[in-house]
């Protein structure tokens, strides 16, 4: 069993790029397709705590029933927002990655690099061709390792 977990939506390009970056680093994560298998309340609360976020900060608007449900209402409590996220998991922003190095909402997808082992990786480009890992990224990681700084 892997110690890296991705809350993933295969319909999301950012989520697919994050998963590809993790695999590019030689890690096969546990994949949770959270739309099909939503987290329970305790898991969602644990993720929010690990992310240091409130429910409103993890709400996704685009392509969701956010507006139809009136979730912009500032009087809605955290519990009400959690109820909406649990009833409509598409409202949970993605992808969320849990690894031994921490938990992050990986938007943009390069954020996942903070959670990967510090070692040089071969070049990598996103689905749209944007270079995420190139010679300059590996040189920065090497310089940080030699200076004992976080990469």
Protein backbone atom coordinates (compact mmCIF):
# COMPACT_ATOMS: atom_id res chain seq x y z
CA UNK A 1 0.00 0.00 0.00
CA UNK A 2 1.29 3.42 -0.90
CA UNK A 3 1.57 6.26 1.59
CA UNK A 4 0.46 8.85 -0.98
CA UNK A 5 -3.22 9.41 -1.68
CA UNK A 6 -4.83 11.57 -4.37
CA UNK A 7 -8.42 12.78 -4.24
CA UNK A 8 -8.85 12.74 -8.00
CA UNK A 9 -11.37 13.58 -10.67
CA UNK A 10 -10.30 12.01 -13.99
CA UNK A 11 -12.41 14.62 -15.84
CA UNK A 12 -10.17 17.42 -14.50
CA UNK A 13 -7.00 18.32 -16.41
CA UNK A 14 -5.27 19.66 -13.29
CA UNK A 15 -6.06 16.44 -11.45
CA UNK A 16 -4.75 14.34 -14.35
CA UNK A 17 -1.54 16.42 -14.46
CA UNK A 18 -1.00 16.00 -10.71
CA UNK A 19 -1.48 12.24 -10.97
CA UNK A 20 0.94 12.11 -13.92
CA UNK A 21 3.57 14.11 -11.96
CA UNK A 22 3.30 11.75 -8.99
CA UNK A 23 3.71 8.74 -11.25
CA UNK A 24 6.57 10.50 -13.05
CA UNK A 25 8.33 10.60 -9.67
CA UNK A 26 8.02 6.81 -9.44
CA UNK A 27 5.14 6.78 -6.97
CA UNK A 28 1.93 4.87 -7.55
CA UNK A 29 -0.54 6.63 -5.26
CA UNK A 30 -3.79 5.41 -3.84
CA UNK A 31 -6.39 7.08 -6.06
CA UNK A 32 -9.68 8.15 -4.55
CA UNK A 33 -12.16 9.13 -7.25
CA UNK A 34 -14.02 11.25 -4.75
CA UNK A 35 -16.99 11.87 -7.04
CA UNK A 36 -17.68 8.11 -7.11
CA UNK A 37 -16.49 7.45 -3.56
CA UNK A 38 -17.02 10.65 -1.56
CA UNK A 39 -15.22 11.12 1.73
CA UNK A 40 -17.32 10.85 4.85
CA UNK A 41 -17.68 13.83 7.17
CA UNK A 42 -14.78 12.77 9.43
CA UNK A 43 -12.44 12.34 6.45
CA UNK A 44 -13.45 15.68 4.96
CA UNK A 45 -12.91 17.38 8.31
CA UNK A 46 -9.49 15.71 8.64
CA UNK A 47 -8.53 16.90 5.15
CA UNK A 48 -9.64 20.44 5.94
CA UNK A 49 -7.60 20.39 9.15
CA UNK A 50 -4.51 19.09 7.33
CA UNK A 51 -4.99 21.77 4.65
CA UNK A 52 -5.50 24.48 7.32
CA UNK A 53 -8.68 25.49 5.47
CA UNK A 54 -12.29 26.21 6.28
CA UNK A 55 -15.01 24.55 4.17
CA UNK A 56 -15.69 27.74 2.17
CA UNK A 57 -12.03 27.79 1.05
CA UNK A 58 -12.34 24.28 -0.39
CA UNK A 59 -15.58 24.93 -2.28
CA UNK A 60 -15.42 24.60 -6.04
CA UNK A 61 -17.68 26.85 -8.07
CA UNK A 62 -16.94 26.05 -11.73
CA UNK A 63 -19.00 23.19 -13.12
CA UNK A 64 -20.86 22.63 -9.85
CA UNK A 65 -24.25 23.45 -8.32
CA UNK A 66 -22.54 26.09 -6.14
CA UNK A 67 -24.61 29.02 -7.40
CA UNK A 68 -27.87 27.07 -7.65
CA UNK A 69 -27.46 26.05 -4.00
CA UNK A 70 -26.79 29.64 -2.91
CA UNK A 71 -23.44 28.77 -1.35
CA UNK A 72 -22.23 32.37 -1.60
CA UNK A 73 -24.54 33.21 1.30
CA UNK A 74 -22.16 34.48 4.01
CA UNK A 75 -24.57 33.36 6.74
CA UNK A 76 -24.10 29.68 5.88
CA UNK A 77 -22.23 27.87 8.63
CA UNK A 78 -19.28 25.54 8.13
CA UNK A 79 -21.63 22.65 8.92
CA UNK A 80 -24.05 23.74 6.21
CA UNK A 81 -21.19 24.00 3.69
CA UNK A 82 -19.91 20.57 4.74
CA UNK A 83 -23.40 19.14 4.27
CA UNK A 84 -23.50 20.56 0.74
CA UNK A 85 -20.03 19.17 -0.07
CA UNK A 86 -21.00 15.74 1.21
CA UNK A 87 -24.29 15.76 -0.73
CA UNK A 88 -22.56 17.07 -3.89
CA UNK A 89 -18.89 15.96 -3.83
CA UNK A 90 -18.26 17.84 -7.10
CA UNK A 91 -18.23 20.92 -4.83
CA UNK A 92 -14.93 19.76 -3.28
CA UNK A 93 -12.01 21.47 -5.00
CA UNK A 94 -9.42 19.12 -6.42
CA UNK A 95 -6.97 17.53 -6.51
CA UNK A 96 -6.02 17.04 -2.90
CA UNK A 97 -2.81 15.08 -2.30
CA UNK A 98 -1.89 13.50 1.02
CA UNK A 99 1.72 12.34 1.34
CA UNK A 100 4.36 11.81 4.02
CA UNK A 101 5.48 15.40 3.32
CA UNK A 102 2.05 16.91 3.95
CA UNK A 103 -1.36 17.58 2.48
CA UNK A 104 -1.98 20.13 -0.27
CA UNK A 105 -4.68 21.30 -2.61
CA UNK A 106 -2.59 20.99 -5.76
CA UNK A 107 -3.78 23.94 -7.79
CA UNK A 108 -1.78 24.75 -9.79
CA UNK A 109 -0.60 21.23 -10.50
CA UNK A 110 3.06 22.14 -9.83
CA UNK A 111 2.15 22.44 -6.15
CA UNK A 112 2.48 18.66 -5.94
CA UNK A 113 6.26 19.02 -6.40
CA UNK A 114 6.39 20.16 -2.73
CA UNK A 115 5.10 16.72 -1.74
CA UNK A 116 7.44 14.59 -3.85
CA UNK A 117 10.78 13.19 -2.72
CA UNK A 118 13.63 15.66 -3.29
CA UNK A 119 15.49 14.12 -6.19
CA UNK A 120 16.12 15.11 -9.79
CA UNK A 121 13.33 14.12 -12.14
CA UNK A 122 13.34 13.79 -15.90
CA UNK A 123 11.68 16.68 -17.77
CA UNK A 124 7.90 16.73 -17.58
CA UNK A 125 5.25 18.71 -19.43
CA UNK A 126 1.56 19.08 -18.67
CA UNK A 127 -1.12 17.83 -21.05
CA UNK A 128 -1.17 21.29 -22.67
CA UNK A 129 2.60 21.21 -23.28
CA UNK A 130 3.59 23.59 -20.46
CA UNK A 131 6.96 22.51 -19.07
CA UNK A 132 6.76 21.79 -15.34
CA UNK A 133 10.08 20.05 -14.82
CA UNK A 134 13.03 21.08 -16.89
CA UNK A 135 16.74 21.56 -16.36
CA UNK A 136 16.18 24.73 -14.29
CA UNK A 137 13.89 22.95 -11.79
CA UNK A 138 16.39 20.14 -11.24
CA UNK A 139 19.24 22.64 -10.88
CA UNK A 140 17.23 24.53 -8.22
CA UNK A 141 16.47 21.30 -6.33
CA UNK A 142 20.16 20.30 -6.45
CA UNK A 143 21.27 23.74 -5.20
CA UNK A 144 18.77 23.59 -2.32
CA UNK A 145 19.92 20.10 -1.32
CA UNK A 146 23.56 21.21 -1.27
CA UNK A 147 22.65 24.26 0.82
CA UNK A 148 20.33 22.19 3.09
CA UNK A 149 17.37 24.36 2.08
CA UNK A 150 13.86 23.13 1.27
CA UNK A 151 13.52 22.66 -2.49
